[in-house]
Amino acid sequence: VLNFVMIHPENESATDTDGSWGQQGNLEKMLQI
């Protein structure tokens, strides 16, 4: 299994979450970033 960590400016994927683990992301948004 390959583990990925994709670090980027927070404002590019801004959410209203509190930073807890397990928040749903968006694959298309990630590829765009």
PDB file of all heavy atoms in Angstrom:
ATOM      1  N   VAL A   1       0.855  -1.183   0.000  1.00  0.00           N
ATOM      2  CA  VAL A   1       0.000   0.000   0.000  1.00  0.00           C
ATOM      3  C   VAL A   1       0.892   1.234   0.000  1.00  0.00           C
ATOM      4  O   VAL A   1       1.910   1.282   0.694  1.00  0.00           O
ATOM      5  CB  VAL A   1      -0.928   0.017   1.238  1.00  0.00           C
ATOM      6  CG1 VAL A   1      -1.758   1.295   1.265  1.00  0.00           C
ATOM      7  CG2 VAL A   1      -1.841  -1.200   1.245  1.00  0.00           C
ATOM      8  N   LEU A   2       0.519   2.235  -0.780  1.00  0.00           N
ATOM      9  CA  LEU A   2       1.260   3.489  -0.837  1.00  0.00           C
ATOM     10  C   LEU A   2       0.518   4.542  -0.020  1.00  0.00           C
ATOM     11  O   LEU A   2      -0.687   4.778  -0.225  1.00  0.00           O
ATOM     12  CB  LEU A   2       1.401   3.958  -2.281  1.00  0.00           C
ATOM     13  CG  LEU A   2       2.136   3.001  -3.222  1.00  0.00           C
ATOM     14  CD1 LEU A   2       2.054   3.519  -4.657  1.00  0.00           C
ATOM     15  CD2 LEU A   2       3.581   2.817  -2.795  1.00  0.00           C
ATOM     16  N   ASN A   3       1.220   5.164   0.881  1.00  0.00           N
ATOM     17  CA  ASN A   3       0.658   6.228   1.709  1.00  0.00           C
ATOM     18  C   ASN A   3       1.038   7.577   1.111  1.00  0.00           C
ATOM     19  O   ASN A   3       2.193   7.817   0.767  1.00  0.00           O
ATOM     20  CB  ASN A   3       1.201   6.120   3.135  1.00  0.00           C
ATOM     21  CG  ASN A   3       0.728   7.271   4.008  1.00  0.00           C
ATOM     22  OD1 ASN A   3      -0.441   7.359   4.332  1.00  0.00           O
ATOM     23  ND2 ASN A   3       1.650   8.147   4.393  1.00  0.00           N
ATOM     24  N   PHE A   4       0.058   8.469   0.964  1.00  0.00           N
ATOM     25  CA  PHE A   4       0.298   9.798   0.405  1.00  0.00           C
ATOM     26  C   PHE A   4      -0.036  10.881   1.429  1.00  0.00           C
ATOM     27  O   PHE A   4      -1.065  10.804   2.117  1.00  0.00           O
ATOM     28  CB  PHE A   4      -0.548  10.028  -0.849  1.00  0.00           C
ATOM     29  CG  PHE A   4      -0.031   9.314  -2.065  1.00  0.00           C
ATOM     30  CD1 PHE A   4      -0.461   8.023  -2.368  1.00  0.00           C
ATOM     31  CD2 PHE A   4       0.888   9.916  -2.908  1.00  0.00           C
ATOM     32  CE1 PHE A   4       0.015   7.359  -3.483  1.00  0.00           C
ATOM     33  CE2 PHE A   4       1.369   9.264  -4.030  1.00  0.00           C
ATOM     34  CZ  PHE A   4       0.940   7.981  -4.318  1.00  0.00           C
ATOM     35  N   VAL A   5       0.860  11.865   1.501  1.00  0.00           N
ATOM     36  CA  VAL A   5       0.614  13.086   2.268  1.00  0.00           C
ATOM     37  C   VAL A   5       0.868  14.239   1.306  1.00  0.00           C
ATOM     38  O   VAL A   5       1.964  14.380   0.771  1.00  0.00           O
ATOM     39  CB  VAL A   5       1.540  13.194   3.495  1.00  0.00           C
ATOM     40  CG1 VAL A   5       1.223  14.466   4.286  1.00  0.00           C
ATOM     41  CG2 VAL A   5       1.421  11.961   4.383  1.00  0.00           C
ATOM     42  N   MET A   6      -0.143  15.079   1.097  1.00  0.00           N
ATOM     43  CA  MET A   6      -0.084  16.146   0.087  1.00  0.00           C
ATOM     44  C   MET A   6      -0.222  17.491   0.801  1.00  0.00           C
ATOM     45  O   MET A   6      -1.324  17.945   1.114  1.00  0.00           O
ATOM     46  CB  MET A   6      -1.228  15.968  -0.919  1.00  0.00           C
ATOM     47  CG  MET A   6      -1.425  14.525  -1.388  1.00  0.00           C
ATOM     48  SD  MET A   6      -0.314  14.099  -2.699  1.00  0.00           S
ATOM     49  CE  MET A   6      -0.974  15.108  -4.008  1.00  0.00           C
ATOM     50  N   ILE A   7       0.911  18.137   1.059  1.00  0.00           N
ATOM     51  CA  ILE A   7       0.930  19.361   1.848  1.00  0.00           C
ATOM     52  C   ILE A   7       0.843  20.563   0.911  1.00  0.00           C
ATOM     53  O   ILE A   7       1.538  20.625  -0.107  1.00  0.00           O
ATOM     54  CB  ILE A   7       2.200  19.412   2.710  1.00  0.00           C
ATOM     55  CG1 ILE A   7       2.205  18.217   3.682  1.00  0.00           C
ATOM     56  CG2 ILE A   7       2.303  20.721   3.466  1.00  0.00           C
ATOM     57  CD1 ILE A   7       3.501  18.046   4.436  1.00  0.00           C
ATOM     58  N   HIS A   8       0.020  21.523   1.284  1.00  0.00           N
ATOM     59  CA  HIS A   8      -0.256  22.661   0.408  1.00  0.00           C
ATOM     60  C   HIS A   8      -0.785  23.830   1.232  1.00  0.00           C
ATOM     61  O   HIS A   8      -1.173  23.656   2.400  1.00  0.00           O
ATOM     62  CB  HIS A   8      -1.308  22.260  -0.641  1.00  0.00           C
ATOM     63  CG  HIS A   8      -2.582  21.784  -0.028  1.00  0.00           C
ATOM     64  ND1 HIS A   8      -2.730  20.511   0.484  1.00  0.00           N
ATOM     65  CD2 HIS A   8      -3.776  22.421   0.166  1.00  0.00           C
ATOM     66  CE1 HIS A   8      -3.949  20.375   0.966  1.00  0.00           C
ATOM     67  NE2 HIS A   8      -4.607  21.524   0.793  1.00  0.00           N
ATOM     68  N   PRO A   9      -0.811  25.032   0.656  1.00  0.00           N
ATOM     69  CA  PRO A   9      -1.367  26.169   1.379  1.00  0.00           C
ATOM     70  C   PRO A   9      -2.813  25.912   1.799  1.00  0.00           C
ATOM     71  O   PRO A   9      -3.636  25.450   0.999  1.00  0.00           O
ATOM     72  CB  PRO A   9      -1.269  27.322   0.384  1.00  0.00           C
ATOM     73  CG  PRO A   9      -0.123  26.936  -0.503  1.00  0.00           C
ATOM     74  CD  PRO A   9      -0.228  25.451  -0.637  1.00  0.00           C
ATOM     75  N   GLU A  10      -3.098  26.223   3.026  1.00  0.00           N
ATOM     76  CA  GLU A  10      -4.414  25.911   3.596  1.00  0.00           C
ATOM     77  C   GLU A  10      -5.547  26.591   2.840  1.00  0.00           C
ATOM     78  O   GLU A  10      -6.631  26.018   2.661  1.00  0.00           O
ATOM     79  CB  GLU A  10      -4.416  26.331   5.074  1.00  0.00           C
ATOM     80  CG  GLU A  10      -5.698  26.035   5.817  1.00  0.00           C
ATOM     81  CD  GLU A  10      -6.698  27.181   5.767  1.00  0.00           C
ATOM     82  OE1 GLU A  10      -6.251  28.324   5.548  1.00  0.00           O
ATOM     83  OE2 GLU A  10      -7.906  26.923   5.951  1.00  0.00           O
ATOM     84  N   ASN A  11      -5.318  27.795   2.345  1.00  0.00           N
ATOM     85  CA  ASN A  11      -6.411  28.514   1.693  1.00  0.00           C
ATOM     86  C   ASN A  11      -6.818  27.891   0.362  1.00  0.00           C
ATOM     87  O   ASN A  11      -7.901  28.170  -0.162  1.00  0.00           O
ATOM     88  CB  ASN A  11      -6.035  29.985   1.496  1.00  0.00           C
ATOM     89  CG  ASN A  11      -4.777  30.163   0.640  1.00  0.00           C
ATOM     90  OD1 ASN A  11      -4.198  29.188   0.165  1.00  0.00           O
ATOM     91  ND2 ASN A  11      -4.376  31.412   0.442  1.00  0.00           N
ATOM     92  N   GLU A  12      -5.966  27.027  -0.185  1.00  0.00           N
ATOM     93  CA  GLU A  12      -6.302  26.414  -1.463  1.00  0.00           C
ATOM     94  C   GLU A  12      -7.316  25.285  -1.314  1.00  0.00           C
ATOM     95  O   GLU A  12      -7.959  24.887  -2.288  1.00  0.00           O
ATOM     96  CB  GLU A  12      -5.026  25.893  -2.142  1.00  0.00           C
ATOM     97  CG  GLU A  12      -4.067  27.008  -2.537  1.00  0.00           C
ATOM     98  CD  GLU A  12      -2.837  26.477  -3.270  1.00  0.00           C
ATOM     99  OE1 GLU A  12      -2.742  25.243  -3.453  1.00  0.00           O
ATOM    100  OE2 GLU A  12      -1.977  27.295  -3.649  1.00  0.00           O
ATOM    101  N   SER A  13      -7.439  24.750  -0.120  1.00  0.00           N
ATOM    102  CA  SER A  13      -8.442  23.703   0.115  1.00  0.00           C
ATOM    103  C   SER A  13      -9.247  24.046   1.351  1.00  0.00           C
ATOM    104  O   SER A  13      -9.641  23.161   2.118  1.00  0.00           O
ATOM    105  CB  SER A  13      -7.766  22.337   0.299  1.00  0.00           C
ATOM    106  OG  SER A  13      -6.913  22.356   1.436  1.00  0.00           O
ATOM    107  N   ALA A  14      -9.458  25.350   1.568  1.00  0.00           N
ATOM    108  CA  ALA A  14     -10.070  25.813   2.811  1.00  0.00           C
ATOM    109  C   ALA A  14     -11.391  25.118   3.065  1.00  0.00           C
ATOM    110  O   ALA A  14     -12.231  24.985   2.182  1.00  0.00           O
ATOM    111  CB  ALA A  14     -10.258  27.324   2.762  1.00  0.00           C
ATOM    112  N   THR A  15     -11.556  24.660   4.285  1.00  0.00           N
ATOM    113  CA  THR A  15     -12.811  24.061   4.749  1.00  0.00           C
ATOM    114  C   THR A  15     -13.164  24.717   6.063  1.00  0.00           C
ATOM    115  O   THR A  15     -12.399  25.490   6.638  1.00  0.00           O
ATOM    116  CB  THR A  15     -12.666  22.548   4.961  1.00  0.00           C
ATOM    117  OG1 THR A  15     -11.788  22.324   6.068  1.00  0.00           O
ATOM    118  CG2 THR A  15     -12.100  21.869   3.723  1.00  0.00           C
ATOM    119  N   ASP A  16     -14.304  24.380   6.572  1.00  0.00           N
ATOM    120  CA  ASP A  16     -14.721  24.921   7.863  1.00  0.00           C
ATOM    121  C   ASP A  16     -14.436  23.939   8.997  1.00  0.00           C
ATOM    122  O   ASP A  16     -15.023  24.011  10.065  1.00  0.00           O
ATOM    123  CB  ASP A  16     -16.211  25.289   7.851  1.00  0.00           C
ATOM    124  CG  ASP A  16     -17.084  24.071   7.515  1.00  0.00           C
ATOM    125  OD1 ASP A  16     -16.521  22.986   7.258  1.00  0.00           O
ATOM    126  OD2 ASP A  16     -18.316  24.229   7.516  1.00  0.00           O
ATOM    127  N   THR A  17     -13.540  23.011   8.717  1.00  0.00           N
ATOM    128  CA  THR A  17     -13.261  21.994   9.738  1.00  0.00           C
ATOM    129  C   THR A  17     -12.299  22.542  10.773  1.00  0.00           C
ATOM    130  O   THR A  17     -11.644  23.568  10.579  1.00  0.00           O
ATOM    131  CB  THR A  17     -12.640  20.742   9.096  1.00  0.00           C
ATOM    132  OG1 THR A  17     -11.340  21.079   8.628  1.00  0.00           O
ATOM    133  CG2 THR A  17     -13.488  20.246   7.951  1.00  0.00           C
ATOM    134  N   ASP A  18     -12.203  21.852  11.876  1.00  0.00           N
ATOM    135  CA  ASP A  18     -11.306  22.265  12.952  1.00  0.00           C
ATOM    136  C   ASP A  18      -9.951  21.598  12.857  1.00  0.00           C
ATOM    137  O   ASP A  18      -9.138  21.701  13.762  1.00  0.00           O
ATOM    138  CB  ASP A  18     -11.923  21.951  14.325  1.00  0.00           C
ATOM    139  CG  ASP A  18     -12.166  20.453  14.524  1.00  0.00           C
ATOM    140  OD1 ASP A  18     -11.864  19.668  13.608  1.00  0.00           O
ATOM    141  OD2 ASP A  18     -12.663  20.078  15.606  1.00  0.00           O
ATOM    142  N   GLY A  19      -9.688  20.896  11.786  1.00  0.00           N
ATOM    143  CA  GLY A  19      -8.403  20.245  11.623  1.00  0.00           C
ATOM    144  C   GLY A  19      -8.361  18.830  12.128  1.00  0.00           C
ATOM    145  O   GLY A  19      -7.300  18.209  12.150  1.00  0.00           O
ATOM    146  N   SER A  20      -9.503  18.277  12.534  1.00  0.00           N
ATOM    147  CA  SER A  20      -9.503  16.904  13.026  1.00  0.00           C
ATOM    148  C   SER A  20      -9.256  15.933  11.887  1.00  0.00           C
ATOM    149  O   SER A  20      -9.529  16.213  10.726  1.00  0.00           O
ATOM    150  CB  SER A  20     -10.846  16.581  13.696  1.00  0.00           C
ATOM    151  OG  SER A  20     -11.065  17.412  14.806  1.00  0.00           O
ATOM    152  N   TRP A  21      -8.747  14.771  12.232  1.00  0.00           N
ATOM    153  CA  TRP A  21      -8.497  13.744  11.245  1.00  0.00           C
ATOM    154  C   TRP A  21      -9.811  13.278  10.627  1.00  0.00           C
ATOM    155  O   TRP A  21     -10.852  13.272  11.277  1.00  0.00           O
ATOM    156  CB  TRP A  21      -7.825  12.537  11.907  1.00  0.00           C
ATOM    157  CG  TRP A  21      -6.398  12.770  12.263  1.00  0.00           C
ATOM    158  CD1 TRP A  21      -5.911  13.702  13.130  1.00  0.00           C
ATOM    159  CD2 TRP A  21      -5.279  12.057  11.769  1.00  0.00           C
ATOM    160  NE1 TRP A  21      -4.561  13.619  13.204  1.00  0.00           N
ATOM    161  CE2 TRP A  21      -4.134  12.602  12.389  1.00  0.00           C
ATOM    162  CE3 TRP A  21      -5.114  11.009  10.865  1.00  0.00           C
ATOM    163  CZ2 TRP A  21      -2.861  12.145  12.139  1.00  0.00           C
ATOM    164  CZ3 TRP A  21      -3.837  10.537  10.620  1.00  0.00           C
ATOM    165  CH2 TRP A  21      -2.734  11.107  11.243  1.00  0.00           C
ATOM    166  N   GLY A  22      -9.714  12.855   9.390  1.00  0.00           N
ATOM    167  CA  GLY A  22     -10.843  12.176   8.763  1.00  0.00           C
ATOM    168  C   GLY A  22     -11.816  13.053   8.031  1.00  0.00           C
ATOM    169  O   GLY A  22     -12.880  12.594   7.642  1.00  0.00           O
ATOM    170  N   GLN A  23     -11.525  14.327   7.836  1.00  0.00           N
ATOM    171  CA  GLN A  23     -12.437  15.185   7.091  1.00  0.00           C
ATOM    172  C   GLN A  23     -12.401  14.812   5.606  1.00  0.00           C
ATOM    173  O   GLN A  23     -11.352  14.573   5.036  1.00  0.00           O
ATOM    174  CB  GLN A  23     -12.050  16.651   7.270  1.00  0.00           C
ATOM    175  CG  GLN A  23     -12.036  17.100   8.728  1.00  0.00           C
ATOM    176  CD  GLN A  23     -13.381  16.906   9.392  1.00  0.00           C
ATOM    177  OE1 GLN A  23     -14.424  17.116   8.765  1.00  0.00           O
ATOM    178  NE2 GLN A  23     -13.373  16.500  10.648  1.00  0.00           N
ATOM    179  N   GLN A  24     -13.575  14.756   4.982  1.00  0.00           N
ATOM    180  CA  GLN A  24     -13.657  14.374   3.570  1.00  0.00           C
ATOM    181  C   GLN A  24     -13.021  15.444   2.682  1.00  0.00           C
ATOM    182  O   GLN A  24     -13.242  16.639   2.867  1.00  0.00           O
ATOM    183  CB  GLN A  24     -15.117  14.201   3.158  1.00  0.00           C
ATOM    184  CG  GLN A  24     -15.751  12.926   3.725  1.00  0.00           C
ATOM    185  CD  GLN A  24     -15.101  11.679   3.149  1.00  0.00           C
ATOM    186  OE1 GLN A  24     -14.465  10.936   3.862  1.00  0.00           O
ATOM    187  NE2 GLN A  24     -15.252  11.468   1.862  1.00  0.00           N
ATOM    188  N   GLY A  25     -12.205  15.003   1.738  1.00  0.00           N
ATOM    189  CA  GLY A  25     -11.595  15.908   0.774  1.00  0.00           C
ATOM    190  C   GLY A  25     -12.250  15.728  -0.583  1.00  0.00           C
ATOM    191  O   GLY A  25     -13.307  15.132  -0.725  1.00  0.00           O
ATOM    192  N   ASN A  26     -11.586  16.233  -1.587  1.00  0.00           N
ATOM    193  CA  ASN A  26     -12.116  16.171  -2.938  1.00  0.00           C
ATOM    194  C   ASN A  26     -10.963  15.865  -3.877  1.00  0.00           C
ATOM    195  O   ASN A  26     -10.004  16.633  -3.969  1.00  0.00           O
ATOM    196  CB  ASN A  26     -12.757  17.519  -3.297  1.00  0.00           C
ATOM    197  CG  ASN A  26     -13.369  17.502  -4.664  1.00  0.00           C
ATOM    198  OD1 ASN A  26     -12.650  17.528  -5.656  1.00  0.00           O
ATOM    199  ND2 ASN A  26     -14.689  17.480  -4.709  1.00  0.00           N
ATOM    200  N   LEU A  27     -11.038  14.713  -4.576  1.00  0.00           N
ATOM    201  CA  LEU A  27      -9.955  14.287  -5.436  1.00  0.00           C
ATOM    202  C   LEU A  27      -9.701  15.299  -6.548  1.00  0.00           C
ATOM    203  O   LEU A  27      -8.556  15.647  -6.840  1.00  0.00           O
ATOM    204  CB  LEU A  27     -10.264  12.905  -6.014  1.00  0.00           C
ATOM    205  CG  LEU A  27      -9.225  12.340  -6.990  1.00  0.00           C
ATOM    206  CD1 LEU A  27      -7.860  12.239  -6.341  1.00  0.00           C
ATOM    207  CD2 LEU A  27      -9.687  10.988  -7.530  1.00  0.00           C
ATOM    208  N   GLU A  28     -10.752  15.765  -7.172  1.00  0.00           N
ATOM    209  CA  GLU A  28     -10.569  16.716  -8.270  1.00  0.00           C
ATOM    210  C   GLU A  28      -9.932  18.010  -7.771  1.00  0.00           C
ATOM    211  O   GLU A  28      -9.076  18.594  -8.435  1.00  0.00           O
ATOM    212  CB  GLU A  28     -11.916  17.012  -8.934  1.00  0.00           C
ATOM    213  CG  GLU A  28     -12.480  15.821  -9.692  1.00  0.00           C
ATOM    214  CD  GLU A  28     -13.765  16.178 -10.416  1.00  0.00           C
ATOM    215  OE1 GLU A  28     -14.157  17.376 -10.385  1.00  0.00           O
ATOM    216  OE2 GLU A  28     -14.370  15.267 -11.000  1.00  0.00           O
ATOM    217  N   LYS A  29     -10.355  18.446  -6.580  1.00  0.00           N
ATOM    218  CA  LYS A  29      -9.772  19.654  -6.010  1.00  0.00           C
ATOM    219  C   LYS A  29      -8.283  19.454  -5.742  1.00  0.00           C
ATOM    220  O   LYS A  29      -7.454  20.340  -6.010  1.00  0.00           O
ATOM    221  CB  LYS A  29     -10.498  19.999  -4.707  1.00  0.00           C
ATOM    222  CG  LYS A  29     -10.018  21.267  -4.030  1.00  0.00           C
ATOM    223  CD  LYS A  29     -10.376  22.508  -4.819  1.00  0.00           C
ATOM    224  CE  LYS A  29     -10.083  23.769  -4.055  1.00  0.00           C
ATOM    225  NZ  LYS A  29     -10.396  24.982  -4.832  1.00  0.00           N
ATOM    226  N   MET A  30      -7.936  18.292  -5.221  1.00  0.00           N
ATOM    227  CA  MET A  30      -6.539  18.002  -4.925  1.00  0.00           C
ATOM    228  C   MET A  30      -5.699  18.019  -6.201  1.00  0.00           C
ATOM    229  O   MET A  30      -4.615  18.617  -6.252  1.00  0.00           O
ATOM    230  CB  MET A  30      -6.424  16.642  -4.236  1.00  0.00           C
ATOM    231  CG  MET A  30      -4.989  16.243  -3.878  1.00  0.00           C
ATOM    232  SD  MET A  30      -4.891  14.568  -3.247  1.00  0.00           S
ATOM    233  CE  MET A  30      -5.169  13.628  -4.756  1.00  0.00           C
ATOM    234  N   LEU A  31      -6.204  17.364  -7.266  1.00  0.00           N
ATOM    235  CA  LEU A  31      -5.458  17.324  -8.520  1.00  0.00           C
ATOM    236  C   LEU A  31      -5.314  18.716  -9.114  1.00  0.00           C
ATOM    237  O   LEU A  31      -4.298  19.047  -9.737  1.00  0.00           O
ATOM    238  CB  LEU A  31      -6.140  16.385  -9.500  1.00  0.00           C
ATOM    239  CG  LEU A  31      -6.132  14.893  -9.109  1.00  0.00           C
ATOM    240  CD1 LEU A  31      -6.971  14.080 -10.091  1.00  0.00           C
ATOM    241  CD2 LEU A  31      -4.708  14.363  -9.053  1.00  0.00           C
ATOM    242  N   GLN A  32      -6.287  19.530  -8.902  1.00  0.00           N
ATOM    243  CA  GLN A  32      -6.223  20.906  -9.389  1.00  0.00           C
ATOM    244  C   GLN A  32      -5.139  21.694  -8.641  1.00  0.00           C
ATOM    245  O   GLN A  32      -4.362  22.441  -9.247  1.00  0.00           O
ATOM    246  CB  GLN A  32      -7.577  21.586  -9.200  1.00  0.00           C
ATOM    247  CG  GLN A  32      -7.603  23.041  -9.639  1.00  0.00           C
ATOM    248  CD  GLN A  32      -8.956  23.689  -9.353  1.00  0.00           C
ATOM    249  OE1 GLN A  32      -9.959  23.008  -9.122  1.00  0.00           O
ATOM    250  NE2 GLN A  32      -8.961  25.004  -9.352  1.00  0.00           N
ATOM    251  N   ILE A  33      -5.064  21.502  -7.312  1.00  0.00           N
ATOM    252  CA  ILE A  33      -4.070  22.214  -6.507  1.00  0.00           C
ATOM    253  C   ILE A  33      -2.650  21.839  -6.929  1.00  0.00           C
ATOM    254  O   ILE A  33      -1.756  22.683  -6.985  1.00  0.00           O
ATOM    255  CB  ILE A  33      -4.298  21.918  -5.006  1.00  0.00           C
ATOM    256  CG1 ILE A  33      -5.619  22.552  -4.533  1.00  0.00           C
ATOM    257  CG2 ILE A  33      -3.122  22.401  -4.160  1.00  0.00           C
ATOM    258  CD1 ILE A  33      -6.030  22.152  -3.134  1.00  0.00           C
TER     259      ILE A  33
END
